[in-house]
Protein backbone atom coordinates (compact mmCIF):
# COMPACT_ATOMS: atom_id res chain seq x y z
CA UNK A 1 -9.94 21.96 48.31
CA UNK A 2 -9.46 18.27 49.20
CA UNK A 3 -13.11 17.51 48.54
CA UNK A 4 -12.67 18.89 45.08
CA UNK A 5 -9.79 16.74 44.36
CA UNK A 6 -11.34 13.68 45.59
CA UNK A 7 -14.53 14.59 43.38
CA UNK A 8 -12.53 15.01 40.39
CA UNK A 9 -10.58 11.68 40.96
CA UNK A 10 -13.98 9.89 41.50
CA UNK A 11 -15.47 11.24 38.28
CA UNK A 12 -12.49 10.32 36.43
CA UNK A 13 -12.58 6.65 37.88
CA UNK A 14 -16.27 6.49 37.00
CA UNK A 15 -15.68 7.54 33.48
CA UNK A 16 -12.74 5.05 33.05
CA UNK A 17 -14.75 2.29 34.52
CA UNK A 18 -17.66 3.01 32.05
CA UNK A 19 -15.37 3.02 29.24
CA UNK A 20 -14.59 -0.67 30.10
CA UNK A 21 -18.27 -1.86 29.51
CA UNK A 22 -19.45 -2.86 25.98
CA UNK A 23 -22.85 -2.84 24.54
CA UNK A 24 -25.65 -4.40 26.45
CA UNK A 25 -25.64 -8.08 25.26
CA UNK A 26 -28.57 -9.18 27.11
CA UNK A 27 -30.82 -8.90 24.00
CA UNK A 28 -28.83 -11.88 22.50
CA UNK A 29 -29.73 -14.18 25.52
CA UNK A 30 -31.18 -17.45 24.67
CA UNK A 31 -34.46 -18.80 26.19
CA UNK A 32 -33.85 -22.20 24.75
CA UNK A 33 -31.30 -24.09 26.97
CA UNK A 34 -31.85 -27.54 25.55
CA UNK A 35 -28.72 -29.39 24.26
CA UNK A 36 -28.25 -30.17 20.72
CA UNK A 37 -26.90 -33.70 21.63
CA UNK A 38 -28.49 -34.95 25.06
CA UNK A 39 -27.58 -37.95 27.21
CA UNK A 40 -29.03 -38.13 30.82
CA UNK A 41 -25.44 -38.94 32.08
CA UNK A 42 -21.94 -38.79 30.32
CA UNK A 43 -20.49 -41.75 28.47
CA UNK A 44 -18.63 -44.44 30.38
CA UNK A 45 -15.09 -43.06 30.05
CA UNK A 46 -16.05 -39.66 31.80
CA UNK A 47 -14.54 -40.81 35.11
CA UNK A 48 -11.24 -41.22 33.49
CA UNK A 49 -11.41 -37.80 31.82
CA UNK A 50 -12.01 -36.33 35.32
CA UNK A 51 -8.94 -38.23 36.65
CA UNK A 52 -6.83 -36.87 33.81
CA UNK A 53 -7.96 -33.23 34.71
CA UNK A 54 -7.16 -33.77 38.46
CA UNK A 55 -3.77 -35.04 37.50
CA UNK A 56 -2.87 -31.81 35.41
CA UNK A 57 -4.16 -29.29 37.74
CA UNK A 58 -1.68 -27.33 40.05
CA UNK A 59 -2.61 -25.71 43.40
CA UNK A 60 -3.09 -21.80 42.74
CA UNK A 61 -0.15 -19.80 44.03
CA UNK A 62 -1.54 -16.18 44.08
CA UNK A 63 1.73 -15.03 45.70
CA UNK A 64 4.07 -16.87 43.11
CA UNK A 65 1.93 -16.89 39.97
CA UNK A 66 5.12 -17.51 37.66
CA UNK A 67 5.98 -20.71 39.39
CA UNK A 68 2.30 -21.92 39.23
CA UNK A 69 2.14 -21.08 35.59
CA UNK A 70 5.30 -22.80 34.76
CA UNK A 71 4.22 -25.91 36.54
CA UNK A 72 0.82 -25.87 35.04
CA UNK A 73 2.40 -25.42 31.61
CA UNK A 74 4.49 -28.43 31.99
CA UNK A 75 1.47 -30.50 33.29
CA UNK A 76 -0.73 -29.45 30.37
CA UNK A 77 2.01 -30.26 27.63
CA UNK A 78 2.04 -33.73 29.01
CA UNK A 79 -1.18 -34.21 27.31
CA UNK A 80 0.54 -34.32 24.12
CA UNK A 81 2.93 -37.32 25.25
CA UNK A 82 0.70 -39.86 23.36
CA UNK A 83 1.35 -42.01 20.48
CA UNK A 84 -0.32 -40.78 17.37
CA UNK A 85 -0.53 -42.14 13.92
CA UNK A 86 0.74 -38.68 12.21
CA UNK A 87 3.61 -36.83 11.03
CA UNK A 88 4.65 -33.82 13.26
CA UNK A 89 6.95 -31.35 11.73
CA UNK A 90 8.38 -28.46 14.03
CA UNK A 91 8.08 -25.00 12.49
CA UNK A 92 10.43 -21.96 13.10
CA UNK A 93 9.73 -19.63 10.22
CA UNK A 94 8.65 -16.10 9.67
CA UNK A 95 6.26 -13.83 7.74
CA UNK A 96 7.36 -10.23 7.03
CA UNK A 97 10.30 -10.55 9.44
CA UNK A 98 7.89 -11.68 12.23
CA UNK A 99 8.33 -15.18 13.74
CA UNK A 100 5.90 -17.93 13.08
CA UNK A 101 6.24 -20.78 15.42
CA UNK A 102 4.36 -24.19 15.98
CA UNK A 103 4.09 -27.43 14.30
CA UNK A 104 2.62 -29.20 11.46
CA UNK A 105 0.38 -32.17 12.13
CA UNK A 106 -0.41 -34.34 9.19
CA UNK A 107 -2.37 -37.51 8.91
CA UNK A 108 -1.76 -40.24 6.22
CA UNK A 109 -4.90 -38.83 4.35
CA UNK A 110 -3.99 -35.16 4.51
CA UNK A 111 -4.12 -33.13 1.49
CA UNK A 112 -1.56 -30.40 1.97
CA UNK A 113 -3.44 -28.14 -0.28
CA UNK A 114 -6.21 -28.06 2.24
CA UNK A 115 -4.80 -26.42 5.56
CA UNK A 116 -6.26 -25.60 8.93
CA UNK A 117 -4.84 -23.16 11.27
CA UNK A 118 -5.40 -24.32 14.83
CA UNK A 119 -5.06 -22.10 17.96
CA UNK A 120 -4.94 -23.75 21.18
CA UNK A 121 -6.41 -22.83 24.37
CA UNK A 122 -5.53 -22.43 27.92
CA UNK A 123 -6.50 -18.85 29.20
CA UNK A 124 -4.01 -16.94 27.19
CA UNK A 125 -1.26 -18.14 29.55
CA UNK A 126 -0.87 -21.97 29.28
CA UNK A 127 -1.12 -24.51 26.51
CA UNK A 128 0.72 -25.16 23.32
CA UNK A 129 0.81 -26.88 19.83
CA UNK A 130 2.04 -30.06 21.65
CA UNK A 131 -0.71 -29.99 24.29
CA UNK A 132 -3.31 -30.21 21.94
CA UNK A 133 -2.09 -32.73 19.55
CA UNK A 134 -4.97 -35.01 20.44
CA UNK A 135 -7.29 -32.34 18.87
CA UNK A 136 -5.11 -31.47 16.03
CA UNK A 137 -4.28 -34.94 15.02
CA UNK A 138 -8.10 -35.82 15.06
CA UNK A 139 -8.82 -32.75 12.98
CA UNK A 140 -6.27 -33.62 10.41
CA UNK A 141 -7.59 -37.29 10.15
CA UNK A 142 -11.38 -36.40 10.18
CA UNK A 143 -11.06 -33.42 7.78
CA UNK A 144 -8.21 -34.78 5.47
CA UNK A 145 -6.22 -31.53 6.21
CA UNK A 146 -2.64 -30.50 7.01
CA UNK A 147 -2.90 -28.77 10.44
CA UNK A 148 -0.68 -26.04 11.43
CA UNK A 149 -0.82 -25.50 15.29
CA UNK A 150 0.54 -22.14 16.05
CA UNK A 151 2.48 -21.24 19.32
CA UNK A 152 1.29 -17.69 19.87
CA UNK A 153 2.80 -15.21 22.68
CA UNK A 154 1.06 -15.74 25.99
CA UNK A 155 1.12 -13.69 29.22
CA UNK A 156 2.70 -13.12 31.50
CA UNK A 157 5.81 -13.43 29.22
CA UNK A 158 4.37 -11.39 26.53
CA UNK A 159 1.37 -8.96 25.93
CA UNK A 160 -2.10 -10.23 24.75
CA UNK A 161 -1.82 -7.92 21.74
CA UNK A 162 1.37 -9.79 20.59
CA UNK A 163 -0.45 -13.08 20.75
CA UNK A 164 -3.27 -11.63 18.51
CA UNK A 165 -0.57 -10.56 16.02
CA UNK A 166 1.08 -13.87 16.09
CA UNK A 167 -2.06 -15.58 14.93
CA UNK A 168 -2.60 -13.19 12.04
CA UNK A 169 0.96 -13.68 10.89
CA UNK A 170 0.58 -17.42 11.17
CA UNK A 171 -2.60 -17.39 9.05
CA UNK A 172 -0.97 -15.49 6.31
CA UNK A 173 1.87 -17.55 6.31
CA UNK A 174 -0.13 -20.62 6.04
CA UNK A 175 -1.75 -19.38 2.97
CA UNK A 176 1.35 -19.62 1.17
CA UNK A 177 3.01 -22.66 2.75
CA UNK A 178 2.50 -26.23 2.90
CA UNK A 179 4.51 -28.50 5.30
CA UNK A 180 7.24 -29.18 2.54
CA UNK A 181 7.47 -26.09 0.29
CA UNK A 182 5.69 -22.72 -0.77
CA UNK A 183 2.54 -23.38 -2.38
CA UNK A 184 -0.81 -21.55 -2.27
CA UNK A 185 -3.59 -23.53 -0.64
CA UNK A 186 -6.93 -24.78 -2.23
CA UNK A 187 -8.99 -24.57 1.12
CA UNK A 188 -8.19 -22.75 4.35
CA UNK A 189 -9.83 -23.16 7.53
CA UNK A 190 -9.36 -21.80 11.20
CA UNK A 191 -10.18 -23.59 14.39
CA UNK A 192 -9.60 -23.12 18.04
CA UNK A 193 -10.62 -24.00 21.73
CA UNK A 194 -11.47 -21.78 24.65
CA UNK A 195 -9.04 -18.82 24.53
CA UNK A 196 -7.99 -20.25 20.97
CA UNK A 197 -11.66 -19.92 20.13
CA UNK A 198 -11.47 -16.32 21.01
CA UNK A 199 -8.65 -15.84 18.85
CA UNK A 200 -10.08 -17.69 16.11
CA UNK A 201 -13.20 -15.45 16.10
CA UNK A 202 -11.08 -12.21 16.53
CA UNK A 203 -8.91 -13.46 13.47
CA UNK A 204 -11.86 -13.88 10.99
CA UNK A 205 -13.30 -10.61 12.35
CA UNK A 206 -10.21 -8.90 11.45
CA UNK A 207 -9.70 -10.63 7.99
CA UNK A 208 -13.01 -9.25 6.60
CA UNK A 209 -11.47 -5.89 6.89
CA UNK A 210 -8.32 -6.81 5.04
CA UNK A 211 -7.33 -7.53 1.37
CA UNK A 212 -6.46 -11.10 2.51
CA UNK A 213 -8.12 -14.38 1.58
CA UNK A 214 -10.85 -15.13 3.97
CA UNK A 215 -11.07 -18.60 5.78
CA UNK A 216 -13.50 -20.95 4.07
CA UNK A 217 -14.94 -21.99 7.47
CA UNK A 218 -14.18 -21.45 11.04
CA UNK A 219 -14.81 -23.84 14.23
CA UNK A 220 -14.78 -22.49 17.58
CA UNK A 221 -14.75 -25.05 20.43
CA UNK A 222 -15.98 -23.82 23.86
CA UNK A 223 -14.88 -20.41 23.02
CA UNK A 224 -14.19 -17.48 25.47
CA UNK A 225 -15.72 -14.71 23.51
CA UNK A 226 -16.66 -11.87 25.82
CA UNK A 227 -13.87 -10.64 28.05
CA UNK A 228 -16.09 -8.42 29.93
CA UNK A 229 -17.55 -11.65 31.42
CA UNK A 230 -21.05 -10.33 31.46
CA UNK A 231 -23.11 -13.46 30.90
CA UNK A 232 -24.95 -15.46 33.61
CA UNK A 233 -23.53 -18.85 33.01
CA UNK A 234 -20.38 -17.96 34.98
CA UNK A 235 -22.49 -18.30 38.09
CA UNK A 236 -25.24 -20.84 37.38
CA UNK A 237 -22.75 -23.39 35.78
CA UNK A 238 -19.91 -22.74 38.35
CA UNK A 239 -20.56 -25.82 40.11
CA UNK A 240 -20.88 -28.01 37.11
CA UNK A 241 -17.56 -26.83 35.20
CA UNK A 242 -14.88 -29.26 36.56
CA UNK A 243 -12.18 -27.91 34.40
CA UNK A 244 -12.63 -24.04 34.54
CA UNK A 245 -14.21 -23.72 38.14
CA UNK A 246 -10.82 -24.25 40.05
CA UNK A 247 -9.55 -21.04 38.43
CA UNK A 248 -12.54 -18.92 37.33
CA UNK A 249 -14.61 -20.09 40.23
CA UNK A 250 -12.30 -17.58 42.39
CA UNK A 251 -13.30 -14.52 40.32
CA UNK A 252 -16.97 -14.86 39.11
CA UNK A 253 -18.24 -13.48 42.63
CA UNK A 254 -16.23 -10.30 42.04
CA UNK A 255 -18.28 -7.15 41.11
CA UNK A 256 -17.92 -6.79 37.25
CA UNK A 257 -16.21 -3.39 37.66
CA UNK A 258 -13.43 -4.88 39.66
CA UNK A 259 -13.16 -7.81 37.05
CA UNK A 260 -13.07 -5.28 34.22
CA UNK A 261 -10.17 -3.13 35.79
CA UNK A 262 -8.20 -6.40 36.84
CA UNK A 263 -8.66 -7.73 32.98
CA UNK A 264 -7.62 -4.33 31.55
CA UNK A 265 -4.34 -4.07 33.57
CA UNK A 266 -3.72 -7.98 32.87
CA UNK A 267 -4.34 -7.73 29.11
CA UNK A 268 -3.24 -4.25 28.82
CA UNK A 269 -6.24 -3.63 26.36
CA UNK A 270 -9.80 -2.56 26.87
CA UNK A 271 -11.77 -5.62 27.50
CA UNK A 272 -14.71 -4.54 25.26
CA UNK A 273 -12.18 -4.04 22.35
CA UNK A 274 -13.24 -6.34 19.40
CA UNK A 275 -9.79 -7.68 19.19
CA UNK A 276 -10.13 -9.33 22.76
CA UNK A 277 -13.84 -9.72 22.82
CA UNK A 278 -15.17 -10.51 19.20
CA UNK A 279 -18.58 -10.47 20.16
CA UNK A 280 -18.48 -6.50 20.39
CA UNK A 281 -17.58 -6.22 16.58
CA UNK A 282 -20.09 -6.08 13.74
CA UNK A 283 -20.68 -9.68 13.01
CA UNK A 284 -22.21 -9.32 9.34
CA UNK A 285 -20.27 -10.87 6.43
CA UNK A 286 -18.52 -13.41 8.41
CA UNK A 287 -17.56 -17.01 6.86
CA UNK A 288 -19.62 -20.09 7.97
CA UNK A 289 -18.84 -20.70 11.55
CA UNK A 290 -19.47 -23.79 13.82
CA UNK A 291 -19.56 -23.30 17.65
CA UNK A 292 -19.64 -26.23 19.86
CA UNK A 293 -19.95 -25.98 23.72
CA UNK A 294 -21.20 -27.73 26.83
CA UNK A 295 -24.51 -26.77 28.44
CA UNK A 296 -22.97 -27.25 31.77
CA UNK A 297 -19.86 -25.18 31.39
CA UNK A 298 -19.22 -21.67 32.76
CA UNK A 299 -18.98 -19.88 29.34
CA UNK A 300 -21.74 -21.47 27.32
CA UNK A 301 -23.98 -18.15 27.61
CA UNK A 302 -21.00 -16.47 25.72
CA UNK A 303 -21.45 -18.90 22.71
CA UNK A 304 -25.21 -18.52 22.63
CA UNK A 305 -24.87 -14.76 22.47
CA UNK A 306 -22.42 -14.72 19.76
CA UNK A 307 -24.42 -17.12 17.74
CA UNK A 308 -27.67 -15.05 18.26
CA UNK A 309 -25.99 -11.75 17.45
CA UNK A 310 -24.21 -13.18 14.28
CA UNK A 311 -27.34 -14.52 12.92
CA UNK A 312 -29.34 -11.46 13.60
CA UNK A 313 -26.71 -9.56 11.46
CA UNK A 314 -26.79 -12.20 8.80
CA UNK A 315 -23.84 -14.37 9.23
CA UNK A 316 -24.04 -18.26 9.22
CA UNK A 317 -23.19 -19.37 12.62
CA UNK A 318 -24.17 -22.72 13.82
CA UNK A 319 -24.27 -23.64 17.53
CA UNK A 320 -24.22 -27.11 18.83
CA UNK A 321 -24.25 -27.90 22.55
CA UNK A 322 -23.83 -31.20 24.47
CA UNK A 323 -25.30 -32.16 27.78
CA UNK A 324 -23.24 -32.68 30.84
CA UNK A 325 -19.82 -32.28 29.27
CA UNK A 326 -16.48 -30.98 30.31
CA UNK A 327 -15.06 -27.64 28.83
CA UNK A 328 -13.33 -28.71 25.71
CA UNK A 329 -14.13 -32.29 26.10
CA UNK A 330 -12.52 -32.68 22.71
CA UNK A 331 -9.25 -33.39 24.42
CA UNK A 332 -10.54 -36.55 26.04
CA UNK A 333 -11.35 -40.27 25.00
CA UNK A 334 -15.08 -39.82 25.18
CA UNK A 335 -17.86 -40.91 22.90
CA UNK A 336 -18.97 -37.28 23.00
CA UNK A 337 -15.83 -36.12 21.51
CA UNK A 338 -16.31 -38.55 18.85
CA UNK A 339 -19.72 -37.09 18.12
CA UNK A 340 -18.44 -33.69 18.07
CA UNK A 341 -15.42 -34.52 15.48
CA UNK A 342 -18.15 -36.29 13.17
CA UNK A 343 -20.17 -33.07 13.34
CA UNK A 344 -17.19 -30.98 12.64
CA UNK A 345 -16.52 -33.20 9.57
CA UNK A 346 -19.98 -32.78 8.35
CA UNK A 347 -19.95 -29.10 8.60
CA UNK A 348 -16.70 -28.63 6.68
CA UNK A 349 -17.79 -31.10 4.04
CA UNK A 350 -21.05 -29.00 3.73
CA UNK A 351 -18.99 -25.88 3.46
CA UNK A 352 -16.68 -27.33 0.76
CA UNK A 353 -19.78 -28.52 -1.10
CA UNK A 354 -21.22 -25.05 -1.09
CA UNK A 355 -17.95 -23.52 -2.44
CA UNK A 356 -17.71 -26.15 -5.10
CA UNK A 357 -21.44 -25.50 -6.18
CA UNK A 358 -20.86 -21.64 -6.22
CA UNK A 359 -17.64 -21.95 -8.27
CA UNK A 360 -19.18 -24.31 -10.85
């Protein structure tokens, strides 16, 4: 009798675990690992960037995770304590009775009829509109757009699904509002880094099934796309990823089935659900997307797979990689960051040109 009960439980567990795996993505692995932008060593301010990373890190307290996250959030938010030549307007609004929180970042040359939704990174647990002001100010300045940086729900305070909904509401609110009054936009873009890159790609994947205006272009910076973490760079780049390794390095040795169970419990959603792992969606008919990643970060294979799959299904996805760079190096005062922003500017300008050409 006991043997039968144990056998039934084992079968149920096997079926549950199998349900957490998505399609086999190895068919989209790259064979070319060369960097789009190569330097034999990082630019001269790289040591200062490493010092800044060390200053914001907190010793991981697995027995007191809430204290760890609270301290880390405070440290990361201090990245926004810099003097910037832009206007910052806090936002507490609503869309269809749902809260929309964040801030406008507006440079002197911003056209408020061109708007960009920015979704910050931070592992779905830390970060804010404030922590990423260096990025949002630069995007506003380089692209001549009004940037709205959304503060979405993060765990453990809220559910992963609520953060996804917050980004959807923020986007729809942004379509109808500029920093000063209600007005439909002329151009609309979406961008995000790391976890925010995940939410950006999930947003545009959702939008194509809705009767809502699509984004004109999207930018994903070092995105975390596959939450089943099935790609190889988690292992082979663990020692060269100085930003992610202090946390992710603790987990990448775990058997994948244990990692999947942990993620499912933590996010309260199946990790292969396209809402949290956009690579498992149908990637046809997407707007133009630019992905930027470092070839020495733990998640670079994630970007390669997404770009390869999307191209195979007919979407315009461009992948640019930098050699020997930090995860989301755009946050730091580096020559490589300047290069990346210039490339983002070129990408958006080309998308605008194609849109104008199609409309004429």
